[in-house]
Amino acid sequence: MLANLLKKSRLLFIVGIVLLLASCSSMRYFPSGNVQRGLASWYGPEFHGKVTSNKELYDMYDLTAAHPTLPFGTYVKVTNLDNGRSVVVRINDRGPFVKGRIIDLSYAAAVQLGMSGPGVVPVVVEVLKKYSPKKSSQKFFVQVGAFISKKNAKRLRDELLRRYPDVHLSVLRISSQTYYRVRIRARTMEAAEKIAQRLLKEGYKAQILEEQRFP
């Protein structure tokens, strides 16, 4: 009986490992998986104390970074391919906005990687899945307008509903003022970009916004 129990325990352990590996492999943060290669840059004093994309205050002495698509709160290991040095940073901002660059590091992270002098270096970015939120925790919107007049906001919403699904009003109250924002929901950043490009061609203003959903 003991031998049978041990066999069952081993079988359950193996099944558990297989399921765990399957669930891990199904989560891809990049098209190629969870590792990305490209150029890294850094930003410092001119942005110190300013609001980041996730509404924090940027601190150049914290180990943080900006990335175009990774969910806020994602932890990544960045390795400088020129010298082999690595650092772990948390994504709290959007950028860089220069073609070919994949991540924009804080000054502190740049110092640890030995790149504060060169400014731009080739790196490998690896997502630390265990400590990072899932991509499904992101919500994307394309904002087409913000109005003080609810009537004007409804007019634009009704106009857009003829051609776009998931158009809605988002109400924002600041002090004694209320704003009615016309937004279109998008499932992914890529879908939001396509909607924004279409809106711009049609003569509308379009701003892509991202919000983080916390469990």
N, C-alpha and C. Protein backbone atom coordinates (compact mmCIF):
# COMPACT_ATOMS: atom_id res chain seq x y z
N MET A 1 0.84 -1.21 0.00
CA MET A 1 0.00 0.00 0.00
C MET A 1 0.87 1.26 0.00
N LEU A 2 1.95 1.23 0.80
CA LEU A 2 2.85 2.38 0.87
C LEU A 2 3.46 2.67 -0.50
N ALA A 3 3.82 1.56 -1.20
CA ALA A 3 4.41 1.73 -2.53
C ALA A 3 3.41 2.37 -3.48
N ASN A 4 2.14 1.98 -3.40
CA ASN A 4 1.10 2.56 -4.26
C ASN A 4 0.90 4.04 -3.97
N LEU A 5 0.91 4.38 -2.66
CA LEU A 5 0.75 5.78 -2.27
C LEU A 5 1.90 6.63 -2.80
N LEU A 6 3.11 6.07 -2.71
CA LEU A 6 4.28 6.80 -3.21
C LEU A 6 4.19 7.01 -4.71
N LYS A 7 3.72 5.98 -5.43
CA LYS A 7 3.56 6.09 -6.88
C LYS A 7 2.54 7.17 -7.22
N LYS A 8 1.42 7.17 -6.48
CA LYS A 8 0.37 8.18 -6.71
C LYS A 8 0.90 9.58 -6.41
N SER A 9 1.67 9.70 -5.32
CA SER A 9 2.23 11.00 -4.95
C SER A 9 3.17 11.52 -6.03
N ARG A 10 4.02 10.59 -6.55
CA ARG A 10 4.95 11.00 -7.61
C ARG A 10 4.18 11.41 -8.86
N LEU A 11 3.11 10.66 -9.17
CA LEU A 11 2.30 10.97 -10.35
C LEU A 11 1.64 12.34 -10.22
N LEU A 12 1.07 12.61 -9.03
CA LEU A 12 0.44 13.90 -8.80
C LEU A 12 1.46 15.02 -8.87
N PHE A 13 2.66 14.77 -8.35
CA PHE A 13 3.72 15.79 -8.39
C PHE A 13 4.09 16.11 -9.84
N ILE A 14 4.24 15.05 -10.66
CA ILE A 14 4.61 15.24 -12.07
C ILE A 14 3.50 15.98 -12.81
N VAL A 15 2.24 15.60 -12.57
CA VAL A 15 1.11 16.28 -13.21
C VAL A 15 1.09 17.75 -12.82
N GLY A 16 1.34 18.01 -11.53
CA GLY A 16 1.37 19.40 -11.06
C GLY A 16 2.43 20.22 -11.74
N ILE A 17 3.62 19.63 -11.88
CA ILE A 17 4.73 20.33 -12.54
C ILE A 17 4.38 20.62 -13.99
N VAL A 18 3.79 19.62 -14.68
CA VAL A 18 3.41 19.79 -16.09
C VAL A 18 2.39 20.92 -16.23
N LEU A 19 1.39 20.93 -15.36
CA LEU A 19 0.37 21.98 -15.41
C LEU A 19 0.97 23.34 -15.13
N LEU A 20 1.89 23.38 -14.16
CA LEU A 20 2.54 24.64 -13.82
C LEU A 20 3.34 25.18 -15.00
N LEU A 21 4.11 24.29 -15.63
CA LEU A 21 4.91 24.71 -16.78
C LEU A 21 4.02 25.13 -17.94
N ALA A 22 2.91 24.42 -18.13
CA ALA A 22 1.99 24.77 -19.22
C ALA A 22 1.40 26.14 -19.00
N SER A 23 1.01 26.45 -17.73
CA SER A 23 0.41 27.75 -17.44
C SER A 23 1.42 28.86 -17.60
N CYS A 24 2.69 28.57 -17.24
CA CYS A 24 3.74 29.58 -17.37
C CYS A 24 4.05 29.86 -18.83
N SER A 25 4.12 28.77 -19.63
CA SER A 25 4.49 28.96 -21.03
C SER A 25 3.41 29.68 -21.81
N SER A 26 2.15 29.64 -21.31
CA SER A 26 1.06 30.27 -22.04
C SER A 26 1.06 31.79 -21.88
N MET A 27 1.76 32.32 -20.88
CA MET A 27 1.80 33.76 -20.66
C MET A 27 2.97 34.36 -21.42
N ARG A 28 2.68 35.11 -22.46
CA ARG A 28 3.72 35.74 -23.26
C ARG A 28 3.58 37.24 -23.15
N TYR A 29 4.66 37.90 -22.75
CA TYR A 29 4.65 39.35 -22.63
C TYR A 29 5.11 40.02 -23.92
N PHE A 30 5.84 39.28 -24.75
CA PHE A 30 6.27 39.75 -26.06
C PHE A 30 5.87 38.71 -27.09
N PRO A 31 5.78 39.06 -28.38
CA PRO A 31 5.43 38.08 -29.42
C PRO A 31 6.33 36.86 -29.41
N SER A 32 7.62 37.06 -29.05
CA SER A 32 8.58 35.96 -29.07
C SER A 32 8.66 35.22 -27.73
N GLY A 33 7.92 35.67 -26.73
CA GLY A 33 7.96 35.03 -25.41
C GLY A 33 8.07 36.05 -24.30
N ASN A 34 9.05 35.87 -23.41
CA ASN A 34 9.21 36.78 -22.28
C ASN A 34 10.59 37.43 -22.23
N VAL A 35 11.30 37.34 -23.33
CA VAL A 35 12.63 37.95 -23.44
C VAL A 35 12.66 38.85 -24.67
N GLN A 36 13.26 40.01 -24.51
CA GLN A 36 13.32 40.98 -25.60
C GLN A 36 14.74 41.53 -25.71
N ARG A 37 15.23 41.71 -26.93
CA ARG A 37 16.56 42.26 -27.17
C ARG A 37 16.45 43.57 -27.95
N GLY A 38 17.30 44.52 -27.60
CA GLY A 38 17.29 45.80 -28.30
C GLY A 38 18.18 46.80 -27.59
N LEU A 39 17.91 48.07 -27.82
CA LEU A 39 18.71 49.13 -27.22
C LEU A 39 18.01 49.73 -26.01
N ALA A 40 18.80 50.03 -24.99
CA ALA A 40 18.29 50.70 -23.79
C ALA A 40 18.89 52.09 -23.70
N SER A 41 18.08 53.03 -23.21
CA SER A 41 18.56 54.38 -22.92
C SER A 41 18.17 54.69 -21.48
N TRP A 42 18.46 55.91 -21.01
CA TRP A 42 18.06 56.28 -19.65
C TRP A 42 17.65 57.74 -19.61
N TYR A 43 16.84 58.07 -18.59
CA TYR A 43 16.41 59.46 -18.42
C TYR A 43 16.58 59.86 -16.97
N GLY A 44 16.94 61.15 -16.76
CA GLY A 44 17.33 61.56 -15.42
C GLY A 44 16.80 62.89 -14.94
N PRO A 45 17.69 63.85 -14.68
CA PRO A 45 17.33 65.09 -13.98
C PRO A 45 16.17 65.87 -14.57
N GLU A 46 16.07 65.92 -15.90
CA GLU A 46 15.01 66.74 -16.50
C GLU A 46 13.61 66.19 -16.24
N PHE A 47 13.51 64.91 -15.84
CA PHE A 47 12.21 64.30 -15.55
C PHE A 47 12.02 64.04 -14.05
N HIS A 48 13.04 64.28 -13.25
CA HIS A 48 12.98 63.98 -11.82
C HIS A 48 11.85 64.77 -11.15
N GLY A 49 10.96 64.05 -10.44
CA GLY A 49 9.84 64.70 -9.75
C GLY A 49 8.60 64.88 -10.58
N LYS A 50 8.66 64.54 -11.87
CA LYS A 50 7.48 64.66 -12.74
C LYS A 50 6.63 63.40 -12.66
N VAL A 51 5.36 63.52 -13.04
CA VAL A 51 4.42 62.40 -12.94
C VAL A 51 4.69 61.39 -14.06
N THR A 52 4.79 60.12 -13.69
CA THR A 52 4.98 59.06 -14.68
C THR A 52 3.61 58.64 -15.23
N SER A 53 3.64 57.73 -16.19
CA SER A 53 2.40 57.28 -16.84
C SER A 53 1.47 56.53 -15.89
N ASN A 54 2.01 55.93 -14.83
CA ASN A 54 1.13 55.24 -13.87
C ASN A 54 0.82 56.11 -12.65
N LYS A 55 1.07 57.44 -12.81
CA LYS A 55 0.69 58.47 -11.82
C LYS A 55 1.61 58.52 -10.61
N GLU A 56 2.77 57.86 -10.66
CA GLU A 56 3.77 58.03 -9.62
C GLU A 56 4.61 59.26 -9.93
N LEU A 57 5.42 59.69 -8.97
CA LEU A 57 6.41 60.73 -9.23
C LEU A 57 7.72 60.04 -9.60
N TYR A 58 8.29 60.44 -10.73
CA TYR A 58 9.53 59.82 -11.17
C TYR A 58 10.67 60.21 -10.24
N ASP A 59 11.36 59.18 -9.73
CA ASP A 59 12.53 59.38 -8.88
C ASP A 59 13.72 58.74 -9.59
N MET A 60 14.65 59.56 -10.05
CA MET A 60 15.78 59.07 -10.83
C MET A 60 16.70 58.15 -10.03
N TYR A 61 16.53 58.13 -8.69
CA TYR A 61 17.36 57.29 -7.83
C TYR A 61 16.69 55.97 -7.47
N ASP A 62 15.47 55.74 -7.99
CA ASP A 62 14.80 54.45 -7.81
C ASP A 62 15.12 53.55 -9.00
N LEU A 63 15.01 52.24 -8.78
CA LEU A 63 15.25 51.29 -9.86
C LEU A 63 13.95 51.05 -10.62
N THR A 64 13.66 51.93 -11.56
CA THR A 64 12.44 51.86 -12.35
C THR A 64 12.79 52.02 -13.83
N ALA A 65 11.77 51.88 -14.68
CA ALA A 65 12.00 52.02 -16.11
C ALA A 65 10.69 52.30 -16.84
N ALA A 66 10.84 52.80 -18.06
CA ALA A 66 9.70 53.01 -18.96
C ALA A 66 9.77 51.97 -20.07
N HIS A 67 8.60 51.41 -20.42
CA HIS A 67 8.52 50.42 -21.50
C HIS A 67 7.26 50.69 -22.30
N PRO A 68 7.26 50.45 -23.62
CA PRO A 68 6.09 50.78 -24.44
C PRO A 68 4.83 49.97 -24.13
N THR A 69 4.97 48.70 -23.75
CA THR A 69 3.79 47.84 -23.64
C THR A 69 3.64 47.03 -22.36
N LEU A 70 4.70 46.77 -21.63
CA LEU A 70 4.59 45.91 -20.44
C LEU A 70 3.66 46.51 -19.39
N PRO A 71 2.87 45.69 -18.72
CA PRO A 71 1.97 46.21 -17.67
C PRO A 71 2.74 46.95 -16.58
N PHE A 72 2.14 48.01 -16.06
CA PHE A 72 2.76 48.71 -14.93
C PHE A 72 2.90 47.73 -13.77
N GLY A 73 4.03 47.82 -13.07
CA GLY A 73 4.28 46.91 -11.97
C GLY A 73 5.06 45.67 -12.38
N THR A 74 5.32 45.51 -13.68
CA THR A 74 6.12 44.38 -14.15
C THR A 74 7.57 44.56 -13.71
N TYR A 75 8.17 43.49 -13.22
CA TYR A 75 9.60 43.51 -12.87
C TYR A 75 10.38 42.81 -13.99
N VAL A 76 11.45 43.45 -14.43
CA VAL A 76 12.26 42.87 -15.49
C VAL A 76 13.73 42.91 -15.08
N LYS A 77 14.46 41.91 -15.57
CA LYS A 77 15.91 41.89 -15.41
C LYS A 77 16.52 42.40 -16.71
N VAL A 78 17.32 43.45 -16.61
CA VAL A 78 17.95 44.05 -17.78
C VAL A 78 19.45 43.78 -17.71
N THR A 79 19.98 43.20 -18.79
CA THR A 79 21.41 42.87 -18.84
C THR A 79 22.09 43.67 -19.95
N ASN A 80 23.14 44.36 -19.58
CA ASN A 80 23.95 45.12 -20.53
C ASN A 80 24.85 44.14 -21.29
N LEU A 81 24.64 44.00 -22.59
CA LEU A 81 25.39 43.03 -23.37
C LEU A 81 26.84 43.46 -23.61
N ASP A 82 27.15 44.72 -23.35
CA ASP A 82 28.52 45.19 -23.53
C ASP A 82 29.44 44.77 -22.38
N ASN A 83 28.86 44.66 -21.16
CA ASN A 83 29.71 44.33 -20.01
C ASN A 83 29.17 43.21 -19.13
N GLY A 84 27.98 42.68 -19.44
CA GLY A 84 27.42 41.57 -18.68
C GLY A 84 26.77 41.93 -17.36
N ARG A 85 26.73 43.24 -17.03
CA ARG A 85 26.11 43.65 -15.75
C ARG A 85 24.60 43.67 -15.88
N SER A 86 23.90 43.34 -14.76
CA SER A 86 22.44 43.24 -14.76
C SER A 86 21.83 44.06 -13.64
N VAL A 87 20.55 44.41 -13.81
CA VAL A 87 19.79 45.12 -12.79
C VAL A 87 18.32 44.74 -12.93
N VAL A 88 17.60 44.70 -11.81
CA VAL A 88 16.16 44.43 -11.82
C VAL A 88 15.42 45.75 -11.60
N VAL A 89 14.49 46.06 -12.49
CA VAL A 89 13.74 47.32 -12.39
C VAL A 89 12.24 47.04 -12.49
N ARG A 90 11.46 48.01 -12.02
CA ARG A 90 9.99 47.92 -12.08
C ARG A 90 9.48 48.91 -13.13
N ILE A 91 8.56 48.47 -13.97
CA ILE A 91 8.01 49.32 -15.02
C ILE A 91 6.93 50.23 -14.42
N ASN A 92 7.14 51.56 -14.53
CA ASN A 92 6.14 52.50 -14.02
C ASN A 92 5.89 53.66 -14.98
N ASP A 93 6.41 53.54 -16.21
CA ASP A 93 6.27 54.66 -17.16
C ASP A 93 6.20 54.11 -18.58
N ARG A 94 5.83 54.98 -19.53
CA ARG A 94 5.76 54.61 -20.94
C ARG A 94 6.90 55.28 -21.70
N GLY A 95 7.44 54.57 -22.66
CA GLY A 95 8.56 55.03 -23.45
C GLY A 95 9.47 53.83 -23.69
N PRO A 96 10.63 54.01 -24.32
CA PRO A 96 11.10 55.23 -24.97
C PRO A 96 10.38 55.46 -26.29
N PHE A 97 10.44 56.67 -26.78
CA PHE A 97 9.73 57.03 -28.00
C PHE A 97 10.71 57.28 -29.15
N VAL A 98 11.79 56.51 -29.15
CA VAL A 98 12.80 56.58 -30.22
C VAL A 98 12.87 55.21 -30.87
N LYS A 99 12.79 55.17 -32.19
CA LYS A 99 12.79 53.91 -32.92
C LYS A 99 14.04 53.09 -32.59
N GLY A 100 13.83 51.81 -32.33
CA GLY A 100 14.94 50.90 -32.06
C GLY A 100 15.23 50.70 -30.59
N ARG A 101 14.73 51.61 -29.74
CA ARG A 101 14.96 51.46 -28.31
C ARG A 101 13.78 50.75 -27.66
N ILE A 102 14.08 49.85 -26.73
CA ILE A 102 13.01 49.03 -26.15
C ILE A 102 12.73 49.36 -24.69
N ILE A 103 13.64 50.04 -24.00
CA ILE A 103 13.42 50.36 -22.59
C ILE A 103 14.20 51.62 -22.23
N ASP A 104 13.59 52.42 -21.36
CA ASP A 104 14.20 53.66 -20.89
C ASP A 104 14.39 53.54 -19.38
N LEU A 105 15.63 53.48 -18.92
CA LEU A 105 15.92 53.19 -17.52
C LEU A 105 16.09 54.45 -16.68
N SER A 106 15.86 54.32 -15.39
CA SER A 106 16.14 55.42 -14.48
C SER A 106 17.66 55.63 -14.39
N TYR A 107 18.05 56.77 -13.86
CA TYR A 107 19.48 57.07 -13.71
C TYR A 107 20.16 56.03 -12.83
N ALA A 108 19.51 55.65 -11.72
CA ALA A 108 20.08 54.67 -10.80
C ALA A 108 20.33 53.33 -11.49
N ALA A 109 19.37 52.90 -12.32
CA ALA A 109 19.53 51.64 -13.05
C ALA A 109 20.66 51.75 -14.07
N ALA A 110 20.74 52.91 -14.72
CA ALA A 110 21.79 53.13 -15.71
C ALA A 110 23.18 53.04 -15.06
N VAL A 111 23.31 53.60 -13.87
CA VAL A 111 24.59 53.56 -13.15
C VAL A 111 24.97 52.12 -12.84
N GLN A 112 23.99 51.32 -12.38
CA GLN A 112 24.27 49.92 -12.04
C GLN A 112 24.69 49.12 -13.27
N LEU A 113 24.15 49.49 -14.44
CA LEU A 113 24.50 48.78 -15.67
C LEU A 113 25.78 49.32 -16.30
N GLY A 114 26.32 50.42 -15.74
CA GLY A 114 27.52 51.01 -16.30
C GLY A 114 27.28 51.67 -17.64
N MET A 115 26.07 52.25 -17.83
CA MET A 115 25.72 52.86 -19.12
C MET A 115 25.39 54.34 -19.01
N SER A 116 25.61 54.93 -17.84
CA SER A 116 25.29 56.35 -17.69
C SER A 116 26.21 57.22 -18.55
N GLY A 117 27.39 56.68 -18.89
CA GLY A 117 28.30 57.40 -19.78
C GLY A 117 27.93 57.24 -21.24
N PRO A 118 27.89 55.98 -21.75
CA PRO A 118 27.54 55.76 -23.15
C PRO A 118 26.13 56.24 -23.52
N GLY A 119 25.20 56.12 -22.56
CA GLY A 119 23.84 56.60 -22.82
C GLY A 119 22.92 55.58 -23.45
N VAL A 120 23.38 54.89 -24.47
CA VAL A 120 22.57 53.87 -25.16
C VAL A 120 23.43 52.62 -25.33
N VAL A 121 22.89 51.46 -24.88
CA VAL A 121 23.64 50.20 -24.99
C VAL A 121 22.69 49.07 -25.40
N PRO A 122 23.24 48.00 -26.00
CA PRO A 122 22.41 46.82 -26.31
C PRO A 122 22.12 46.03 -25.04
N VAL A 123 20.87 45.59 -24.90
CA VAL A 123 20.48 44.87 -23.67
C VAL A 123 19.57 43.69 -23.99
N VAL A 124 19.42 42.83 -22.99
CA VAL A 124 18.39 41.80 -22.98
C VAL A 124 17.44 42.13 -21.83
N VAL A 125 16.14 42.15 -22.12
CA VAL A 125 15.12 42.41 -21.10
C VAL A 125 14.35 41.12 -20.87
N GLU A 126 14.36 40.64 -19.63
CA GLU A 126 13.68 39.39 -19.28
C GLU A 126 12.61 39.66 -18.22
N VAL A 127 11.37 39.32 -18.51
CA VAL A 127 10.28 39.52 -17.56
C VAL A 127 10.36 38.51 -16.44
N LEU A 128 10.29 38.99 -15.19
CA LEU A 128 10.26 38.11 -14.02
C LEU A 128 8.79 37.84 -13.71
N LYS A 129 8.26 36.79 -14.33
CA LYS A 129 6.82 36.52 -14.30
C LYS A 129 6.26 36.35 -12.89
N LYS A 130 7.07 35.74 -12.02
CA LYS A 130 6.60 35.45 -10.66
C LYS A 130 6.20 36.72 -9.92
N TYR A 131 6.85 37.84 -10.24
CA TYR A 131 6.61 39.08 -9.50
C TYR A 131 5.84 40.11 -10.34
N SER A 132 5.30 39.69 -11.47
CA SER A 132 4.71 40.66 -12.40
C SER A 132 3.24 40.40 -12.65
N PRO A 133 2.46 41.46 -12.91
CA PRO A 133 1.04 41.28 -13.23
C PRO A 133 0.87 40.69 -14.62
N LYS A 134 -0.26 40.06 -14.85
CA LYS A 134 -0.54 39.49 -16.17
C LYS A 134 -0.95 40.60 -17.14
N LYS A 135 -0.75 40.31 -18.43
CA LYS A 135 -1.11 41.31 -19.44
C LYS A 135 -2.61 41.59 -19.41
N SER A 136 -3.40 40.58 -18.99
CA SER A 136 -4.85 40.75 -18.97
C SER A 136 -5.31 41.76 -17.92
N SER A 137 -4.38 42.21 -17.05
CA SER A 137 -4.76 43.18 -16.03
C SER A 137 -4.80 44.61 -16.58
N GLN A 138 -4.46 44.77 -17.86
CA GLN A 138 -4.46 46.10 -18.47
C GLN A 138 -5.80 46.39 -19.13
N LYS A 139 -6.19 47.66 -19.10
CA LYS A 139 -7.35 48.15 -19.83
C LYS A 139 -6.89 49.31 -20.71
N PHE A 140 -7.37 49.33 -21.95
CA PHE A 140 -6.98 50.38 -22.87
C PHE A 140 -8.21 51.12 -23.37
N PHE A 141 -8.04 52.44 -23.56
CA PHE A 141 -9.09 53.28 -24.10
C PHE A 141 -8.49 54.22 -25.13
N VAL A 142 -9.31 54.63 -26.08
CA VAL A 142 -8.95 55.73 -26.97
C VAL A 142 -9.90 56.87 -26.63
N GLN A 143 -9.36 57.95 -26.11
CA GLN A 143 -10.19 59.10 -25.74
C GLN A 143 -10.29 60.04 -26.94
N VAL A 144 -11.52 60.37 -27.31
CA VAL A 144 -11.77 61.19 -28.50
C VAL A 144 -12.10 62.63 -28.12
N GLY A 145 -12.58 62.85 -26.90
CA GLY A 145 -12.90 64.21 -26.48
C GLY A 145 -13.26 64.27 -25.01
N ALA A 146 -13.12 65.47 -24.44
CA ALA A 146 -13.51 65.71 -23.04
C ALA A 146 -14.29 67.02 -23.01
N PHE A 147 -15.48 66.98 -22.42
CA PHE A 147 -16.40 68.12 -22.48
C PHE A 147 -16.89 68.50 -21.09
N ILE A 148 -17.16 69.79 -20.93
CA ILE A 148 -17.86 70.27 -19.74
C ILE A 148 -19.36 70.05 -19.94
N SER A 149 -19.78 70.17 -21.20
CA SER A 149 -21.19 69.98 -21.54
C SER A 149 -21.49 68.50 -21.77
N LYS A 150 -22.38 67.95 -20.97
CA LYS A 150 -22.78 66.55 -21.13
C LYS A 150 -23.49 66.34 -22.46
N LYS A 151 -24.24 67.34 -22.89
CA LYS A 151 -24.98 67.26 -24.16
C LYS A 151 -24.02 67.10 -25.33
N ASN A 152 -22.94 67.88 -25.34
CA ASN A 152 -21.95 67.78 -26.42
C ASN A 152 -21.24 66.44 -26.40
N ALA A 153 -20.96 65.94 -25.21
CA ALA A 153 -20.30 64.64 -25.09
C ALA A 153 -21.20 63.52 -25.63
N LYS A 154 -22.49 63.59 -25.30
CA LYS A 154 -23.44 62.59 -25.79
C LYS A 154 -23.57 62.65 -27.31
N ARG A 155 -23.52 63.86 -27.85
CA ARG A 155 -23.63 64.02 -29.30
C ARG A 155 -22.46 63.32 -30.01
N LEU A 156 -21.24 63.53 -29.49
CA LEU A 156 -20.08 62.87 -30.08
C LEU A 156 -20.14 61.36 -29.88
N ARG A 157 -20.57 60.93 -28.71
CA ARG A 157 -20.69 59.49 -28.46
C ARG A 157 -21.65 58.84 -29.45
N ASP A 158 -22.80 59.45 -29.65
CA ASP A 158 -23.80 58.89 -30.57
C ASP A 158 -23.29 58.89 -32.01
N GLU A 159 -22.52 59.90 -32.36
CA GLU A 159 -21.94 59.98 -33.70
C GLU A 159 -20.94 58.84 -33.93
N LEU A 160 -20.11 58.56 -32.92
CA LEU A 160 -19.11 57.51 -33.03
C LEU A 160 -19.71 56.11 -32.98
N LEU A 161 -20.82 55.97 -32.26
CA LEU A 161 -21.45 54.65 -32.13
C LEU A 161 -21.93 54.10 -33.46
N ARG A 162 -22.09 54.97 -34.45
CA ARG A 162 -22.51 54.50 -35.77
C ARG A 162 -21.41 53.70 -36.46
N ARG A 163 -20.16 53.93 -36.05
CA ARG A 163 -19.03 53.27 -36.72
C ARG A 163 -18.13 52.48 -35.77
N TYR A 164 -18.24 52.74 -34.49
CA TYR A 164 -17.35 52.09 -33.53
C TYR A 164 -18.16 51.42 -32.41
N PRO A 165 -17.80 50.19 -32.03
CA PRO A 165 -18.45 49.58 -30.86
C PRO A 165 -17.79 50.07 -29.57
N ASP A 166 -18.42 49.82 -28.46
CA ASP A 166 -17.84 50.08 -27.13
C ASP A 166 -17.48 51.55 -26.89
N VAL A 167 -18.29 52.46 -27.40
CA VAL A 167 -18.09 53.88 -27.09
C VAL A 167 -18.87 54.20 -25.83
N HIS A 168 -18.27 54.90 -24.88
CA HIS A 168 -18.94 55.20 -23.63
C HIS A 168 -18.49 56.55 -23.08
N LEU A 169 -19.24 57.05 -22.12
CA LEU A 169 -18.87 58.28 -21.42
C LEU A 169 -18.22 57.93 -20.09
N SER A 170 -17.12 58.59 -19.80
CA SER A 170 -16.43 58.44 -18.52
C SER A 170 -16.48 59.80 -17.80
N VAL A 171 -17.01 59.80 -16.59
CA VAL A 171 -17.20 61.06 -15.85
C VAL A 171 -16.03 61.29 -14.90
N LEU A 172 -15.46 62.49 -14.96
CA LEU A 172 -14.36 62.86 -14.07
C LEU A 172 -14.74 64.15 -13.34
N ARG A 173 -14.72 64.08 -12.01
CA ARG A 173 -15.05 65.26 -11.20
C ARG A 173 -13.78 65.76 -10.51
N ILE A 174 -13.42 67.01 -10.79
CA ILE A 174 -12.25 67.64 -10.19
C ILE A 174 -12.71 68.93 -9.51
N SER A 175 -12.57 68.96 -8.20
CA SER A 175 -13.02 70.12 -7.42
C SER A 175 -14.50 70.38 -7.73
N SER A 176 -14.82 71.56 -8.25
CA SER A 176 -16.22 71.89 -8.53
C SER A 176 -16.58 71.68 -10.00
N GLN A 177 -15.62 71.12 -10.80
CA GLN A 177 -15.85 70.95 -12.23
C GLN A 177 -16.03 69.48 -12.60
N THR A 178 -16.95 69.21 -13.51
CA THR A 178 -17.18 67.85 -14.01
C THR A 178 -16.88 67.79 -15.49
N TYR A 179 -16.12 66.74 -15.88
CA TYR A 179 -15.79 66.54 -17.29
C TYR A 179 -16.41 65.24 -17.78
N TYR A 180 -16.94 65.29 -19.01
CA TYR A 180 -17.53 64.11 -19.64
C TYR A 180 -16.60 63.68 -20.78
N ARG A 181 -15.95 62.53 -20.60
CA ARG A 181 -14.94 62.09 -21.56
C ARG A 181 -15.51 60.99 -22.46
N VAL A 182 -15.34 61.16 -23.75
CA VAL A 182 -15.84 60.19 -24.73
C VAL A 182 -14.70 59.22 -25.04
N ARG A 183 -14.93 57.94 -24.74
CA ARG A 183 -13.87 56.94 -24.88
C ARG A 183 -14.36 55.71 -25.64
N ILE A 184 -13.41 55.06 -26.31
CA ILE A 184 -13.68 53.80 -27.01
C ILE A 184 -12.81 52.73 -26.36
N ARG A 185 -13.42 51.65 -25.92
CA ARG A 185 -12.66 50.57 -25.30
C ARG A 185 -11.89 49.78 -26.35
N ALA A 186 -10.71 49.30 -25.97
CA ALA A 186 -9.90 48.45 -26.84
C ALA A 186 -9.33 47.31 -26.01
N ARG A 187 -9.24 46.13 -26.59
CA ARG A 187 -8.77 44.96 -25.84
C ARG A 187 -7.27 44.95 -25.64
N THR A 188 -6.53 45.49 -26.61
CA THR A 188 -5.07 45.48 -26.54
C THR A 188 -4.53 46.84 -26.97
N MET A 189 -3.24 47.05 -26.70
CA MET A 189 -2.58 48.27 -27.16
C MET A 189 -2.60 48.35 -28.67
N GLU A 190 -2.40 47.21 -29.35
CA GLU A 190 -2.39 47.19 -30.81
C GLU A 190 -3.75 47.60 -31.37
N ALA A 191 -4.83 47.10 -30.74
CA ALA A 191 -6.18 47.47 -31.19
C ALA A 191 -6.44 48.96 -30.96
N ALA A 192 -5.96 49.48 -29.83
CA ALA A 192 -6.12 50.90 -29.53
C ALA A 192 -5.39 51.77 -30.55
N GLU A 193 -4.20 51.34 -30.95
CA GLU A 193 -3.43 52.09 -31.94
C GLU A 193 -4.15 52.13 -33.29
N LYS A 194 -4.77 51.01 -33.68
CA LYS A 194 -5.49 50.96 -34.95
C LYS A 194 -6.72 51.89 -34.91
N ILE A 195 -7.43 51.88 -33.78
CA ILE A 195 -8.59 52.76 -33.63
C ILE A 195 -8.16 54.21 -33.69
N ALA A 196 -7.07 54.53 -32.99
CA ALA A 196 -6.58 55.92 -32.97
C ALA A 196 -6.17 56.39 -34.36
N GLN A 197 -5.49 55.54 -35.11
CA GLN A 197 -5.07 55.90 -36.47
C GLN A 197 -6.27 56.15 -37.37
N ARG A 198 -7.30 55.31 -37.22
CA ARG A 198 -8.52 55.49 -38.02
C ARG A 198 -9.22 56.79 -37.67
N LEU A 199 -9.30 57.09 -36.37
CA LEU A 199 -9.94 58.32 -35.92
C LEU A 199 -9.20 59.56 -36.44
N LEU A 200 -7.88 59.52 -36.41
CA LEU A 200 -7.09 60.65 -36.88
C LEU A 200 -7.32 60.90 -38.38
N LYS A 201 -7.43 59.82 -39.14
CA LYS A 201 -7.70 59.96 -40.57
C LYS A 201 -9.08 60.56 -40.83
N GLU A 202 -10.01 60.30 -39.91
CA GLU A 202 -11.37 60.82 -40.04
C GLU A 202 -11.49 62.25 -39.52
N GLY A 203 -10.39 62.79 -38.99
CA GLY A 203 -10.40 64.17 -38.53
C GLY A 203 -10.67 64.37 -37.05
N TYR A 204 -10.71 63.29 -36.28
CA TYR A 204 -10.93 63.40 -34.83
C TYR A 204 -9.59 63.48 -34.10
N LYS A 205 -9.64 63.94 -32.87
CA LYS A 205 -8.49 63.85 -31.99
C LYS A 205 -8.53 62.48 -31.32
N ALA A 206 -7.38 61.91 -31.04
CA ALA A 206 -7.35 60.58 -30.42
C ALA A 206 -6.16 60.47 -29.48
N GLN A 207 -6.45 60.00 -28.27
CA GLN A 207 -5.41 59.83 -27.26
C GLN A 207 -5.56 58.44 -26.65
N ILE A 208 -4.50 57.64 -26.69
CA ILE A 208 -4.54 56.29 -26.12
C ILE A 208 -4.25 56.37 -24.63
N LEU A 209 -5.12 55.79 -23.84
CA LEU A 209 -4.97 55.79 -22.38
C LEU A 209 -4.94 54.35 -21.88
N GLU A 210 -4.26 54.18 -20.79
CA GLU A 210 -4.13 52.85 -20.19
C GLU A 210 -4.43 52.94 -18.71
N GLU A 211 -5.18 51.98 -18.22
CA GLU A 211 -5.45 51.93 -16.79
C GLU A 211 -5.09 50.54 -16.30
N GLN A 212 -4.66 50.47 -15.06
CA GLN A 212 -4.26 49.21 -14.46
C GLN A 212 -5.37 48.68 -13.56
N ARG A 213 -5.74 47.41 -13.77
CA ARG A 213 -6.75 46.76 -12.95
C ARG A 213 -6.05 45.97 -11.87
N PHE A 214 -6.41 46.22 -10.62
CA PHE A 214 -5.78 45.47 -9.51
C PHE A 214 -6.80 44.50 -8.95
N PRO A 215 -6.38 43.29 -8.62
CA PRO A 215 -7.31 42.29 -8.07
C PRO A 215 -7.89 42.74 -6.73
